[in-house]
N, C-alpha and C. Protein backbone atom coordinates (compact mmCIF):
# COMPACT_ATOMS: atom_id res chain seq x y z
N MET A 1 92.60 -164.54 -94.38
CA MET A 1 93.40 -165.59 -94.99
C MET A 1 94.12 -165.05 -96.22
N TYR A 2 95.41 -165.35 -96.30
CA TYR A 2 96.23 -164.92 -97.42
C TYR A 2 96.48 -166.11 -98.35
N VAL A 3 96.30 -165.89 -99.66
CA VAL A 3 96.41 -166.99 -100.62
C VAL A 3 97.21 -166.54 -101.85
N GLU A 4 98.05 -167.42 -102.35
CA GLU A 4 98.72 -167.23 -103.62
C GLU A 4 98.37 -168.43 -104.50
N PHE A 5 98.08 -168.16 -105.76
CA PHE A 5 97.78 -169.27 -106.66
C PHE A 5 98.18 -168.95 -108.08
N ILE A 6 98.44 -170.00 -108.84
CA ILE A 6 98.77 -169.90 -110.26
C ILE A 6 97.48 -170.05 -111.05
N ASN A 7 97.31 -169.23 -112.06
CA ASN A 7 96.10 -169.33 -112.88
C ASN A 7 96.36 -168.79 -114.29
N ASN A 8 95.49 -169.14 -115.21
CA ASN A 8 95.51 -168.50 -116.52
C ASN A 8 94.32 -167.54 -116.60
N ARG A 9 94.26 -166.73 -117.64
CA ARG A 9 93.19 -165.74 -117.75
C ARG A 9 92.94 -165.43 -119.22
N ASP A 10 91.78 -164.80 -119.49
CA ASP A 10 91.45 -164.41 -120.86
C ASP A 10 92.33 -163.28 -121.35
N VAL A 11 92.44 -162.23 -120.55
CA VAL A 11 93.15 -161.02 -120.96
C VAL A 11 94.66 -161.26 -120.98
N LEU A 12 95.29 -160.91 -122.11
CA LEU A 12 96.75 -161.05 -122.27
C LEU A 12 97.20 -162.47 -121.93
N SER A 13 96.46 -163.44 -122.38
CA SER A 13 96.70 -164.82 -121.97
C SER A 13 98.06 -165.36 -122.40
N ASP A 14 98.58 -164.90 -123.53
CA ASP A 14 99.84 -165.47 -124.02
C ASP A 14 100.98 -164.46 -124.04
N ILE A 15 100.87 -163.40 -123.25
CA ILE A 15 101.88 -162.34 -123.30
C ILE A 15 103.26 -162.88 -122.91
N ARG A 16 103.30 -163.78 -121.92
CA ARG A 16 104.59 -164.30 -121.47
C ARG A 16 105.20 -165.23 -122.49
N ASP A 17 104.37 -166.05 -123.13
CA ASP A 17 104.90 -166.96 -124.14
C ASP A 17 105.39 -166.21 -125.37
N THR A 18 104.65 -165.18 -125.77
CA THR A 18 104.99 -164.43 -126.97
C THR A 18 106.19 -163.51 -126.75
N TYR A 19 106.19 -162.80 -125.61
CA TYR A 19 107.26 -161.85 -125.30
C TYR A 19 107.77 -162.10 -123.88
N PRO A 20 108.67 -163.06 -123.69
CA PRO A 20 109.14 -163.41 -122.35
C PRO A 20 109.92 -162.31 -121.65
N ASP A 21 110.37 -161.29 -122.40
CA ASP A 21 111.12 -160.19 -121.80
C ASP A 21 110.23 -159.14 -121.17
N ILE A 22 108.92 -159.23 -121.39
CA ILE A 22 107.98 -158.24 -120.87
C ILE A 22 107.44 -158.69 -119.51
N LYS A 23 107.56 -157.83 -118.53
CA LYS A 23 107.05 -158.12 -117.19
C LYS A 23 105.82 -157.27 -116.92
N VAL A 24 104.71 -157.93 -116.61
CA VAL A 24 103.44 -157.24 -116.33
C VAL A 24 103.07 -157.48 -114.87
N ASN A 25 102.76 -156.41 -114.16
CA ASN A 25 102.37 -156.50 -112.76
C ASN A 25 101.02 -155.81 -112.59
N ILE A 26 99.98 -156.59 -112.31
CA ILE A 26 98.64 -156.05 -112.13
C ILE A 26 98.44 -155.72 -110.65
N SER A 27 98.28 -154.43 -110.35
CA SER A 27 98.21 -153.99 -108.96
C SER A 27 96.80 -153.68 -108.48
N HIS A 28 95.90 -153.32 -109.40
CA HIS A 28 94.54 -152.98 -109.00
C HIS A 28 93.53 -153.51 -110.01
N LEU A 29 92.37 -153.93 -109.50
CA LEU A 29 91.23 -154.28 -110.34
C LEU A 29 90.03 -153.50 -109.84
N THR A 30 89.28 -152.95 -110.78
CA THR A 30 88.12 -152.14 -110.43
C THR A 30 86.99 -152.41 -111.41
N ALA A 31 85.75 -152.40 -110.91
CA ALA A 31 84.57 -152.52 -111.77
C ALA A 31 83.54 -151.49 -111.32
N THR A 32 82.91 -150.81 -112.27
CA THR A 32 81.87 -149.83 -111.96
C THR A 32 80.73 -149.99 -112.95
N SER A 33 79.75 -149.12 -112.84
CA SER A 33 78.63 -149.16 -113.77
C SER A 33 79.06 -148.72 -115.17
N ARG A 34 80.21 -148.05 -115.27
CA ARG A 34 80.70 -147.56 -116.56
C ARG A 34 81.50 -148.61 -117.33
N PHE A 35 82.11 -149.56 -116.63
CA PHE A 35 82.89 -150.59 -117.32
C PHE A 35 82.89 -151.88 -116.47
N PRO A 36 82.90 -153.04 -117.16
CA PRO A 36 82.85 -154.32 -116.45
C PRO A 36 84.07 -154.59 -115.58
N LEU A 37 85.26 -154.22 -116.10
CA LEU A 37 86.49 -154.48 -115.36
C LEU A 37 87.62 -153.61 -115.90
N ARG A 38 88.40 -153.03 -114.99
CA ARG A 38 89.58 -152.26 -115.38
C ARG A 38 90.78 -152.78 -114.60
N LEU A 39 91.83 -153.09 -115.32
CA LEU A 39 93.08 -153.52 -114.70
C LEU A 39 94.07 -152.37 -114.70
N THR A 40 94.71 -152.12 -113.58
CA THR A 40 95.81 -151.17 -113.52
C THR A 40 97.09 -151.98 -113.45
N CYS A 41 97.97 -151.80 -114.42
CA CYS A 41 99.18 -152.62 -114.44
C CYS A 41 100.39 -151.81 -114.84
N SER A 42 101.53 -152.23 -114.35
CA SER A 42 102.80 -151.64 -114.76
C SER A 42 103.50 -152.63 -115.68
N VAL A 43 104.20 -152.12 -116.66
CA VAL A 43 104.87 -152.96 -117.66
C VAL A 43 106.32 -152.54 -117.76
N ARG A 44 107.20 -153.52 -117.69
CA ARG A 44 108.63 -153.31 -117.92
C ARG A 44 109.05 -154.16 -119.10
N GLY A 45 109.86 -153.59 -119.96
CA GLY A 45 110.27 -154.30 -121.16
C GLY A 45 109.85 -153.51 -122.39
N ASN A 46 109.64 -154.19 -123.48
CA ASN A 46 109.29 -153.56 -124.74
C ASN A 46 107.80 -153.16 -124.73
N THR A 47 107.53 -151.90 -124.42
CA THR A 47 106.14 -151.45 -124.30
C THR A 47 105.44 -151.38 -125.66
N GLU A 48 106.20 -151.17 -126.73
CA GLU A 48 105.57 -151.16 -128.06
C GLU A 48 104.99 -152.53 -128.39
N ARG A 49 105.72 -153.57 -128.08
CA ARG A 49 105.20 -154.92 -128.30
C ARG A 49 104.01 -155.21 -127.39
N PHE A 50 104.11 -154.76 -126.14
CA PHE A 50 103.00 -154.97 -125.21
C PHE A 50 101.74 -154.29 -125.72
N GLU A 51 101.86 -153.03 -126.14
CA GLU A 51 100.70 -152.29 -126.62
C GLU A 51 100.10 -152.93 -127.86
N ALA A 52 100.95 -153.41 -128.76
CA ALA A 52 100.45 -154.07 -129.97
C ALA A 52 99.69 -155.34 -129.59
N ARG A 53 100.23 -156.08 -128.63
CA ARG A 53 99.56 -157.31 -128.20
C ARG A 53 98.24 -157.00 -127.50
N ALA A 54 98.22 -155.95 -126.69
CA ALA A 54 96.99 -155.57 -125.98
C ALA A 54 95.92 -155.11 -126.96
N HIS A 55 96.29 -154.32 -127.95
CA HIS A 55 95.33 -153.84 -128.94
C HIS A 55 94.77 -154.99 -129.78
N ALA A 56 95.56 -156.04 -129.95
CA ALA A 56 95.10 -157.20 -130.74
C ALA A 56 94.26 -158.17 -129.92
N ASP A 57 94.25 -157.99 -128.60
CA ASP A 57 93.51 -158.89 -127.71
C ASP A 57 92.02 -158.61 -127.83
N GLN A 58 91.24 -159.60 -128.18
CA GLN A 58 89.80 -159.42 -128.37
C GLN A 58 89.07 -159.07 -127.08
N HIS A 59 89.69 -159.34 -125.94
CA HIS A 59 89.05 -159.06 -124.66
C HIS A 59 89.31 -157.64 -124.16
N VAL A 60 90.27 -156.94 -124.79
CA VAL A 60 90.64 -155.59 -124.37
C VAL A 60 89.86 -154.57 -125.20
N GLU A 61 89.07 -153.74 -124.53
CA GLU A 61 88.32 -152.70 -125.23
C GLU A 61 89.14 -151.43 -125.39
N THR A 62 89.86 -151.05 -124.32
CA THR A 62 90.64 -149.82 -124.36
C THR A 62 91.93 -150.00 -123.57
N LEU A 63 93.02 -149.49 -124.12
CA LEU A 63 94.31 -149.45 -123.41
C LEU A 63 94.68 -147.99 -123.22
N GLN A 64 94.86 -147.58 -121.99
CA GLN A 64 95.13 -146.18 -121.68
C GLN A 64 96.46 -146.05 -120.93
N THR A 65 97.37 -145.25 -121.48
CA THR A 65 98.64 -144.98 -120.80
C THR A 65 98.43 -143.87 -119.77
N ILE A 66 98.80 -144.13 -118.53
CA ILE A 66 98.58 -143.12 -117.49
C ILE A 66 99.87 -142.62 -116.85
N LEU A 67 101.00 -143.31 -117.09
CA LEU A 67 102.26 -142.84 -116.53
C LEU A 67 103.41 -143.49 -117.28
N GLN A 68 104.40 -142.70 -117.66
CA GLN A 68 105.59 -143.23 -118.32
C GLN A 68 106.82 -142.80 -117.53
N GLU A 69 107.66 -143.77 -117.18
CA GLU A 69 108.91 -143.50 -116.49
C GLU A 69 110.02 -144.27 -117.19
N ASP A 70 111.25 -144.07 -116.72
CA ASP A 70 112.39 -144.71 -117.39
C ASP A 70 112.29 -146.23 -117.36
N SER A 71 111.86 -146.79 -116.24
CA SER A 71 111.91 -148.24 -116.08
C SER A 71 110.57 -148.94 -116.24
N ARG A 72 109.49 -148.19 -116.35
CA ARG A 72 108.17 -148.82 -116.47
C ARG A 72 107.16 -147.86 -117.06
N THR A 73 106.05 -148.44 -117.54
CA THR A 73 104.90 -147.67 -118.01
C THR A 73 103.67 -148.21 -117.30
N LEU A 74 102.83 -147.31 -116.83
CA LEU A 74 101.61 -147.69 -116.12
C LEU A 74 100.41 -147.53 -117.05
N TYR A 75 99.56 -148.58 -117.07
CA TYR A 75 98.41 -148.58 -117.97
C TYR A 75 97.11 -148.88 -117.21
N HIS A 76 96.02 -148.42 -117.80
CA HIS A 76 94.69 -148.92 -117.46
C HIS A 76 94.23 -149.78 -118.64
N ILE A 77 93.82 -150.99 -118.36
CA ILE A 77 93.28 -151.88 -119.38
C ILE A 77 91.79 -152.07 -119.10
N TYR A 78 90.96 -151.61 -120.01
CA TYR A 78 89.52 -151.78 -119.86
C TYR A 78 89.09 -153.05 -120.58
N VAL A 79 88.51 -153.96 -119.83
CA VAL A 79 88.16 -155.29 -120.33
C VAL A 79 86.68 -155.35 -120.69
N GLY A 80 86.37 -156.01 -121.80
CA GLY A 80 84.98 -156.17 -122.21
C GLY A 80 84.22 -157.11 -121.29
N SER A 81 82.92 -157.12 -121.40
CA SER A 81 82.09 -157.96 -120.54
C SER A 81 82.13 -159.41 -120.99
N GLY A 82 81.83 -160.31 -120.05
CA GLY A 82 81.73 -161.73 -120.37
C GLY A 82 83.02 -162.51 -120.31
N THR A 83 84.09 -161.90 -119.78
CA THR A 83 85.38 -162.61 -119.69
C THR A 83 85.47 -163.41 -118.40
N VAL A 84 86.37 -164.38 -118.41
CA VAL A 84 86.66 -165.13 -117.19
C VAL A 84 87.20 -164.19 -116.12
N ASP A 85 88.02 -163.22 -116.52
CA ASP A 85 88.60 -162.27 -115.57
C ASP A 85 87.50 -161.51 -114.82
N GLU A 86 86.48 -161.09 -115.54
CA GLU A 86 85.37 -160.37 -114.91
C GLU A 86 84.65 -161.27 -113.91
N ARG A 87 84.39 -162.51 -114.29
CA ARG A 87 83.65 -163.41 -113.40
C ARG A 87 84.48 -163.78 -112.17
N VAL A 88 85.77 -163.96 -112.35
CA VAL A 88 86.63 -164.26 -111.20
C VAL A 88 86.69 -163.07 -110.25
N TYR A 89 86.80 -161.87 -110.82
CA TYR A 89 86.81 -160.66 -109.99
C TYR A 89 85.51 -160.54 -109.19
N ASN A 90 84.37 -160.74 -109.86
CA ASN A 90 83.08 -160.65 -109.17
C ASN A 90 82.94 -161.71 -108.08
N ALA A 91 83.46 -162.91 -108.35
CA ALA A 91 83.42 -163.98 -107.35
C ALA A 91 84.22 -163.60 -106.12
N ALA A 92 85.37 -162.95 -106.34
CA ALA A 92 86.20 -162.51 -105.22
C ALA A 92 85.51 -161.43 -104.40
N VAL A 93 84.93 -160.46 -105.09
CA VAL A 93 84.22 -159.37 -104.40
C VAL A 93 83.04 -159.92 -103.60
N ASN A 94 82.27 -160.82 -104.20
CA ASN A 94 81.11 -161.40 -103.52
C ASN A 94 81.50 -162.19 -102.28
N ALA A 95 82.72 -162.75 -102.29
CA ALA A 95 83.18 -163.53 -101.15
C ALA A 95 83.95 -162.68 -100.14
N GLY A 96 84.07 -161.38 -100.42
CA GLY A 96 84.78 -160.49 -99.50
C GLY A 96 86.28 -160.48 -99.71
N GLY A 97 86.74 -160.98 -100.86
CA GLY A 97 88.17 -161.04 -101.13
C GLY A 97 88.74 -159.74 -101.66
N VAL A 98 90.05 -159.59 -101.53
CA VAL A 98 90.76 -158.41 -102.00
C VAL A 98 91.92 -158.86 -102.88
N HIS A 99 91.98 -158.33 -104.10
CA HIS A 99 93.09 -158.63 -105.00
C HIS A 99 94.30 -157.80 -104.58
N LEU A 100 95.42 -158.45 -104.38
CA LEU A 100 96.63 -157.77 -103.94
C LEU A 100 97.61 -157.53 -105.07
N ASN A 101 97.79 -158.53 -105.91
CA ASN A 101 98.81 -158.40 -106.94
C ASN A 101 98.76 -159.61 -107.86
N ALA A 102 99.14 -159.43 -109.12
CA ALA A 102 99.29 -160.56 -110.04
C ALA A 102 100.42 -160.26 -111.00
N GLN A 103 101.27 -161.25 -111.26
CA GLN A 103 102.40 -161.09 -112.16
C GLN A 103 102.40 -162.21 -113.18
N ASN A 104 102.83 -161.90 -114.40
CA ASN A 104 102.97 -162.96 -115.39
C ASN A 104 104.24 -163.74 -115.12
N MET A 105 104.08 -165.06 -115.04
CA MET A 105 105.21 -165.95 -114.78
C MET A 105 105.11 -167.15 -115.71
N ASN A 106 106.19 -167.36 -116.50
CA ASN A 106 106.20 -168.44 -117.48
C ASN A 106 104.98 -168.31 -118.39
N SER A 107 104.12 -169.30 -118.45
CA SER A 107 102.95 -169.22 -119.33
C SER A 107 101.66 -169.02 -118.53
N CYS A 108 101.78 -168.51 -117.31
CA CYS A 108 100.59 -168.32 -116.47
C CYS A 108 100.73 -167.04 -115.64
N TRP A 109 99.80 -166.85 -114.73
CA TRP A 109 99.82 -165.68 -113.84
C TRP A 109 99.94 -166.15 -112.40
N TYR A 110 100.69 -165.39 -111.62
CA TYR A 110 100.87 -165.68 -110.20
C TYR A 110 100.09 -164.62 -109.43
N THR A 111 98.99 -165.04 -108.80
CA THR A 111 98.03 -164.11 -108.19
C THR A 111 98.07 -164.20 -106.67
N LYS A 112 97.94 -163.05 -106.01
CA LYS A 112 97.90 -163.00 -104.55
C LYS A 112 96.63 -162.31 -104.10
N MET A 113 95.92 -162.91 -103.17
CA MET A 113 94.67 -162.35 -102.68
C MET A 113 94.55 -162.54 -101.18
N SER A 114 93.67 -161.76 -100.57
CA SER A 114 93.39 -161.88 -99.15
C SER A 114 91.89 -162.02 -98.94
N PHE A 115 91.49 -162.88 -97.99
CA PHE A 115 90.08 -163.11 -97.68
C PHE A 115 89.86 -163.01 -96.18
N PRO A 116 88.63 -162.66 -95.77
CA PRO A 116 88.34 -162.52 -94.34
C PRO A 116 88.60 -163.79 -93.54
N ASP A 117 88.30 -164.94 -94.11
CA ASP A 117 88.47 -166.21 -93.41
C ASP A 117 88.47 -167.36 -94.42
N LYS A 118 88.61 -168.57 -93.89
CA LYS A 118 88.68 -169.74 -94.76
C LYS A 118 87.37 -169.99 -95.49
N ALA A 119 86.25 -169.72 -94.81
CA ALA A 119 84.94 -169.95 -95.43
C ALA A 119 84.74 -169.07 -96.65
N SER A 120 85.17 -167.80 -96.56
CA SER A 120 85.02 -166.88 -97.69
C SER A 120 85.91 -167.30 -98.85
N PHE A 121 87.13 -167.75 -98.53
CA PHE A 121 88.00 -168.22 -99.60
C PHE A 121 87.42 -169.47 -100.27
N THR A 122 86.88 -170.39 -99.46
CA THR A 122 86.28 -171.61 -100.01
C THR A 122 85.12 -171.26 -100.94
N GLU A 123 84.33 -170.26 -100.56
CA GLU A 123 83.23 -169.81 -101.42
C GLU A 123 83.76 -169.31 -102.76
N PHE A 124 84.81 -168.50 -102.71
CA PHE A 124 85.44 -168.00 -103.93
C PHE A 124 86.00 -169.13 -104.78
N TRP A 125 86.74 -170.04 -104.15
CA TRP A 125 87.40 -171.11 -104.88
C TRP A 125 86.40 -172.06 -105.52
N ASP A 126 85.32 -172.35 -104.81
CA ASP A 126 84.28 -173.22 -105.37
C ASP A 126 83.64 -172.58 -106.59
N THR A 127 83.47 -171.26 -106.55
CA THR A 127 82.86 -170.55 -107.67
C THR A 127 83.75 -170.57 -108.90
N ILE A 128 85.03 -170.24 -108.73
CA ILE A 128 85.92 -170.17 -109.90
C ILE A 128 86.29 -171.56 -110.41
N SER A 129 86.08 -172.59 -109.59
CA SER A 129 86.37 -173.95 -110.04
C SER A 129 85.44 -174.37 -111.18
N GLU A 130 84.33 -173.66 -111.31
CA GLU A 130 83.39 -173.95 -112.39
C GLU A 130 83.78 -173.25 -113.69
N GLU A 131 84.79 -172.38 -113.62
CA GLU A 131 85.23 -171.65 -114.80
C GLU A 131 86.24 -172.47 -115.61
N PRO A 132 86.34 -172.20 -116.92
CA PRO A 132 87.28 -172.92 -117.77
C PRO A 132 88.70 -172.40 -117.65
N ILE A 133 89.25 -172.43 -116.44
CA ILE A 133 90.61 -171.98 -116.21
C ILE A 133 91.34 -173.00 -115.35
N GLU A 134 92.65 -173.00 -115.47
CA GLU A 134 93.48 -173.87 -114.66
C GLU A 134 94.00 -173.08 -113.46
N THR A 135 93.88 -173.66 -112.27
CA THR A 135 94.32 -172.98 -111.06
C THR A 135 95.07 -173.96 -110.17
N GLU A 136 96.01 -173.43 -109.41
CA GLU A 136 96.76 -174.26 -108.46
C GLU A 136 97.19 -173.40 -107.28
N ILE A 137 96.76 -173.75 -106.09
CA ILE A 137 97.14 -173.00 -104.89
C ILE A 137 98.59 -173.31 -104.54
N THR A 138 99.38 -172.27 -104.29
CA THR A 138 100.79 -172.45 -103.94
C THR A 138 101.09 -172.03 -102.50
N VAL A 139 100.34 -171.07 -101.97
CA VAL A 139 100.52 -170.60 -100.60
C VAL A 139 99.17 -170.32 -99.99
N MET A 140 98.97 -170.76 -98.74
CA MET A 140 97.74 -170.45 -98.02
C MET A 140 98.09 -170.28 -96.54
N ARG A 141 97.77 -169.10 -96.00
CA ARG A 141 98.09 -168.82 -94.60
C ARG A 141 96.87 -168.26 -93.88
N ASP A 142 96.55 -168.81 -92.74
CA ASP A 142 95.43 -168.34 -91.93
C ASP A 142 95.84 -167.14 -91.10
N GLY A 143 95.10 -166.07 -91.24
CA GLY A 143 95.24 -164.94 -90.32
C GLY A 143 96.51 -164.15 -90.41
N THR A 144 97.39 -164.45 -91.37
CA THR A 144 98.66 -163.74 -91.46
C THR A 144 98.89 -163.26 -92.88
N PHE A 145 99.05 -161.94 -93.02
CA PHE A 145 99.38 -161.39 -94.34
C PHE A 145 100.89 -161.37 -94.47
N HIS A 146 101.40 -162.33 -95.24
CA HIS A 146 102.85 -162.43 -95.41
C HIS A 146 103.13 -163.05 -96.76
N MET A 147 103.54 -162.24 -97.72
CA MET A 147 103.79 -162.76 -99.06
C MET A 147 105.05 -163.61 -99.09
N SER A 148 105.04 -164.63 -99.90
CA SER A 148 106.21 -165.48 -100.06
C SER A 148 107.24 -164.77 -100.91
N GLU A 149 108.44 -165.36 -100.99
CA GLU A 149 109.48 -164.76 -101.84
C GLU A 149 109.06 -164.74 -103.29
N GLU A 150 108.26 -165.74 -103.72
CA GLU A 150 107.80 -165.76 -105.10
C GLU A 150 106.90 -164.56 -105.40
N ALA A 151 106.09 -164.17 -104.42
CA ALA A 151 105.16 -163.07 -104.62
C ALA A 151 105.89 -161.76 -104.91
N PHE A 152 107.06 -161.58 -104.30
CA PHE A 152 107.81 -160.35 -104.49
C PHE A 152 108.90 -160.50 -105.54
N GLY A 153 109.04 -161.67 -106.12
CA GLY A 153 110.06 -161.89 -107.13
C GLY A 153 111.45 -162.06 -106.55
N LEU A 154 111.56 -162.29 -105.23
CA LEU A 154 112.85 -162.46 -104.59
C LEU A 154 113.37 -163.88 -104.77
N THR A 155 114.69 -164.00 -104.85
CA THR A 155 115.28 -165.34 -104.79
C THR A 155 115.37 -165.75 -103.32
N GLN A 156 115.58 -167.04 -103.09
CA GLN A 156 115.68 -167.53 -101.71
C GLN A 156 116.86 -166.86 -100.99
N LYS A 157 117.97 -166.66 -101.70
CA LYS A 157 119.15 -166.05 -101.08
C LYS A 157 118.89 -164.58 -100.75
N GLN A 158 118.15 -163.87 -101.61
CA GLN A 158 117.82 -162.48 -101.32
C GLN A 158 116.90 -162.38 -100.10
N LEU A 159 115.92 -163.26 -100.06
CA LEU A 159 115.02 -163.28 -98.91
C LEU A 159 115.78 -163.59 -97.62
N GLU A 160 116.73 -164.50 -97.71
CA GLU A 160 117.52 -164.90 -96.55
C GLU A 160 118.32 -163.73 -95.98
N ILE A 161 118.98 -162.95 -96.85
CA ILE A 161 119.81 -161.87 -96.34
C ILE A 161 118.97 -160.70 -95.84
N ILE A 162 117.82 -160.44 -96.48
CA ILE A 162 116.93 -159.39 -95.98
C ILE A 162 116.40 -159.76 -94.60
N TRP A 163 116.00 -161.01 -94.44
CA TRP A 163 115.48 -161.46 -93.15
C TRP A 163 116.56 -161.43 -92.08
N GLU A 164 117.77 -161.84 -92.45
CA GLU A 164 118.88 -161.81 -91.49
C GLU A 164 119.21 -160.38 -91.09
N GLY A 165 119.16 -159.46 -92.07
CA GLY A 165 119.40 -158.06 -91.75
C GLY A 165 118.34 -157.49 -90.83
N LEU A 166 117.10 -157.92 -91.02
CA LEU A 166 116.02 -157.45 -90.16
C LEU A 166 116.20 -157.98 -88.74
N LYS A 167 116.54 -159.25 -88.63
CA LYS A 167 116.70 -159.87 -87.30
C LYS A 167 117.86 -159.27 -86.52
N THR A 168 118.95 -158.95 -87.22
CA THR A 168 120.17 -158.52 -86.53
C THR A 168 120.30 -157.00 -86.42
N GLY A 169 119.29 -156.26 -86.90
CA GLY A 169 119.29 -154.82 -86.72
C GLY A 169 120.04 -154.03 -87.77
N TYR A 170 120.26 -154.61 -88.94
CA TYR A 170 120.98 -153.88 -89.98
C TYR A 170 120.19 -152.67 -90.46
N PHE A 171 118.86 -152.75 -90.42
CA PHE A 171 118.03 -151.65 -90.91
C PHE A 171 117.66 -150.65 -89.81
N GLU A 172 118.18 -150.86 -88.61
CA GLU A 172 117.91 -149.92 -87.52
C GLU A 172 118.78 -148.67 -87.68
N VAL A 173 118.38 -147.60 -86.96
CA VAL A 173 119.16 -146.36 -86.94
C VAL A 173 119.53 -146.06 -85.49
N PRO A 174 120.82 -146.12 -85.10
CA PRO A 174 121.95 -146.55 -85.95
C PRO A 174 121.94 -148.06 -86.15
N ARG A 175 122.69 -148.53 -87.12
CA ARG A 175 122.75 -149.95 -87.42
C ARG A 175 123.36 -150.74 -86.26
N GLU A 176 122.80 -151.92 -86.03
CA GLU A 176 123.27 -152.77 -84.94
C GLU A 176 124.17 -153.89 -85.45
N THR A 177 124.35 -153.98 -86.75
CA THR A 177 125.26 -154.95 -87.35
C THR A 177 125.82 -154.37 -88.64
N THR A 178 126.82 -155.00 -89.20
CA THR A 178 127.46 -154.50 -90.41
C THR A 178 127.29 -155.48 -91.57
N LEU A 179 127.60 -155.02 -92.77
CA LEU A 179 127.57 -155.90 -93.93
C LEU A 179 128.56 -157.05 -93.77
N GLN A 180 129.69 -156.75 -93.17
CA GLN A 180 130.68 -157.80 -92.98
C GLN A 180 130.12 -158.90 -92.07
N GLU A 181 129.43 -158.49 -91.01
CA GLU A 181 128.84 -159.48 -90.09
C GLU A 181 127.71 -160.26 -90.76
N LEU A 182 126.92 -159.57 -91.59
CA LEU A 182 125.88 -160.28 -92.35
C LEU A 182 126.51 -161.32 -93.26
N GLY A 183 127.59 -160.92 -93.94
CA GLY A 183 128.28 -161.85 -94.83
C GLY A 183 128.83 -163.05 -94.09
N GLU A 184 129.38 -162.81 -92.90
CA GLU A 184 129.93 -163.92 -92.10
C GLU A 184 128.84 -164.89 -91.67
N LYS A 185 127.67 -164.36 -91.32
CA LYS A 185 126.56 -165.23 -90.91
C LYS A 185 126.10 -166.12 -92.06
N LEU A 186 126.18 -165.58 -93.29
CA LEU A 186 125.71 -166.33 -94.45
C LEU A 186 126.86 -166.99 -95.22
N ASP A 187 128.07 -166.87 -94.67
CA ASP A 187 129.26 -167.49 -95.25
C ASP A 187 129.53 -166.97 -96.67
N ILE A 188 129.42 -165.64 -96.82
CA ILE A 188 129.75 -165.01 -98.10
C ILE A 188 130.60 -163.77 -97.80
N THR A 189 131.22 -163.21 -98.83
CA THR A 189 132.06 -162.04 -98.63
C THR A 189 131.21 -160.80 -98.38
N THR A 190 131.86 -159.75 -97.88
CA THR A 190 131.16 -158.49 -97.63
C THR A 190 130.62 -157.91 -98.93
N GLN A 191 131.41 -158.00 -100.01
CA GLN A 191 130.96 -157.49 -101.30
C GLN A 191 129.75 -158.27 -101.80
N ALA A 192 129.77 -159.60 -101.66
CA ALA A 192 128.64 -160.42 -102.09
C ALA A 192 127.39 -160.10 -101.27
N ALA A 193 127.58 -159.85 -99.97
CA ALA A 193 126.45 -159.50 -99.11
C ALA A 193 125.85 -158.17 -99.54
N SER A 194 126.71 -157.21 -99.87
CA SER A 194 126.24 -155.90 -100.30
C SER A 194 125.43 -156.00 -101.59
N ILE A 195 125.96 -156.73 -102.57
CA ILE A 195 125.27 -156.87 -103.85
C ILE A 195 123.94 -157.60 -103.68
N ARG A 196 123.95 -158.68 -102.91
CA ARG A 196 122.73 -159.48 -102.72
C ARG A 196 121.66 -158.67 -102.00
N LEU A 197 122.07 -157.91 -100.98
CA LEU A 197 121.11 -157.12 -100.22
C LEU A 197 120.52 -156.00 -101.06
N ARG A 198 121.37 -155.28 -101.80
CA ARG A 198 120.89 -154.18 -102.63
C ARG A 198 119.95 -154.67 -103.73
N LYS A 199 120.28 -155.78 -104.37
CA LYS A 199 119.41 -156.35 -105.40
C LYS A 199 118.09 -156.82 -104.81
N GLY A 200 118.15 -157.41 -103.62
CA GLY A 200 116.94 -157.89 -102.97
C GLY A 200 116.01 -156.76 -102.59
N VAL A 201 116.56 -155.71 -102.00
CA VAL A 201 115.74 -154.56 -101.60
C VAL A 201 115.15 -153.88 -102.83
N LYS A 202 115.94 -153.75 -103.89
CA LYS A 202 115.44 -153.14 -105.12
C LYS A 202 114.27 -153.94 -105.68
N THR A 203 114.40 -155.26 -105.73
CA THR A 203 113.32 -156.12 -106.22
C THR A 203 112.09 -156.01 -105.34
N LEU A 204 112.31 -155.97 -104.03
CA LEU A 204 111.20 -155.87 -103.08
C LEU A 204 110.41 -154.58 -103.29
N VAL A 205 111.12 -153.47 -103.46
CA VAL A 205 110.46 -152.18 -103.67
C VAL A 205 109.73 -152.15 -105.01
N GLU A 206 110.38 -152.66 -106.05
CA GLU A 206 109.76 -152.65 -107.38
C GLU A 206 108.46 -153.45 -107.42
N ASN A 207 108.41 -154.54 -106.67
CA ASN A 207 107.25 -155.43 -106.73
C ASN A 207 106.24 -155.20 -105.62
N SER A 208 106.43 -154.17 -104.81
CA SER A 208 105.47 -153.89 -103.74
C SER A 208 105.10 -152.42 -103.74
N VAL A 209 105.91 -151.59 -103.11
CA VAL A 209 105.60 -150.16 -103.00
C VAL A 209 105.54 -149.48 -104.35
N TYR A 210 106.53 -149.74 -105.20
CA TYR A 210 106.65 -149.04 -106.48
C TYR A 210 105.46 -149.32 -107.39
N ASP A 211 105.04 -150.60 -107.48
CA ASP A 211 103.96 -150.95 -108.36
C ASP A 211 102.59 -150.67 -107.76
N ALA A 212 102.55 -150.25 -106.51
CA ALA A 212 101.26 -149.96 -105.88
C ALA A 212 100.76 -148.56 -106.26
N PHE A 213 101.62 -147.74 -106.92
CA PHE A 213 101.21 -146.39 -107.27
C PHE A 213 100.09 -146.38 -108.28
N ASP A 214 99.06 -145.60 -108.00
CA ASP A 214 97.93 -145.45 -108.95
C ASP A 214 97.45 -144.02 -108.83
N PRO A 215 97.66 -143.19 -109.85
CA PRO A 215 97.26 -141.78 -109.78
C PRO A 215 95.80 -141.57 -109.48
N GLU A 216 94.92 -142.54 -109.80
CA GLU A 216 93.49 -142.34 -109.58
C GLU A 216 93.01 -142.96 -108.27
N ALA A 217 93.94 -143.56 -107.50
CA ALA A 217 93.53 -144.19 -106.24
C ALA A 217 93.17 -143.14 -105.22
């Protein structure tokens, strides 16, 4: 079962409200005998402000920079014990769930997870319902791993043209349709189709393959 839900959390709880230009994408969560919880996240925007906010967060024990590139910085955030984040992570693991991705959106987090079945998700949801956090399910699909456009940060129009290109063979080799034909199907110009498709694919890569990189994986 694939699930997307909105939630708040202890760690970096107000990062979006304080610095709306900073985009945080949490791609991995790990817990071992050495630390209660470690978040692997990529950050785009003002990293100096992000680091200052992370160091001031009482729930963050250590912030470690592991990769710096032109458009993003990758961090490990080591979280102290006793946080809501730790308990939610443990509840997911105990129920057989897998954390896929989480992004800061407005004043909350948009989280995506996968579970073996509905019973395991219900076990997880019942457990975290006892925690002092606000949650709201936005997407739930049985047996199908398929992220919504919100999960990838795509607009509806970007999702539409990517899907149309997939259906009509634009991504095949050789191509079975042209940008002009895609534009005609969507009632837009060839130039508009090109811009929309390129922006959509760029966003898709940034929020899926690109952010999945973890040197220690």
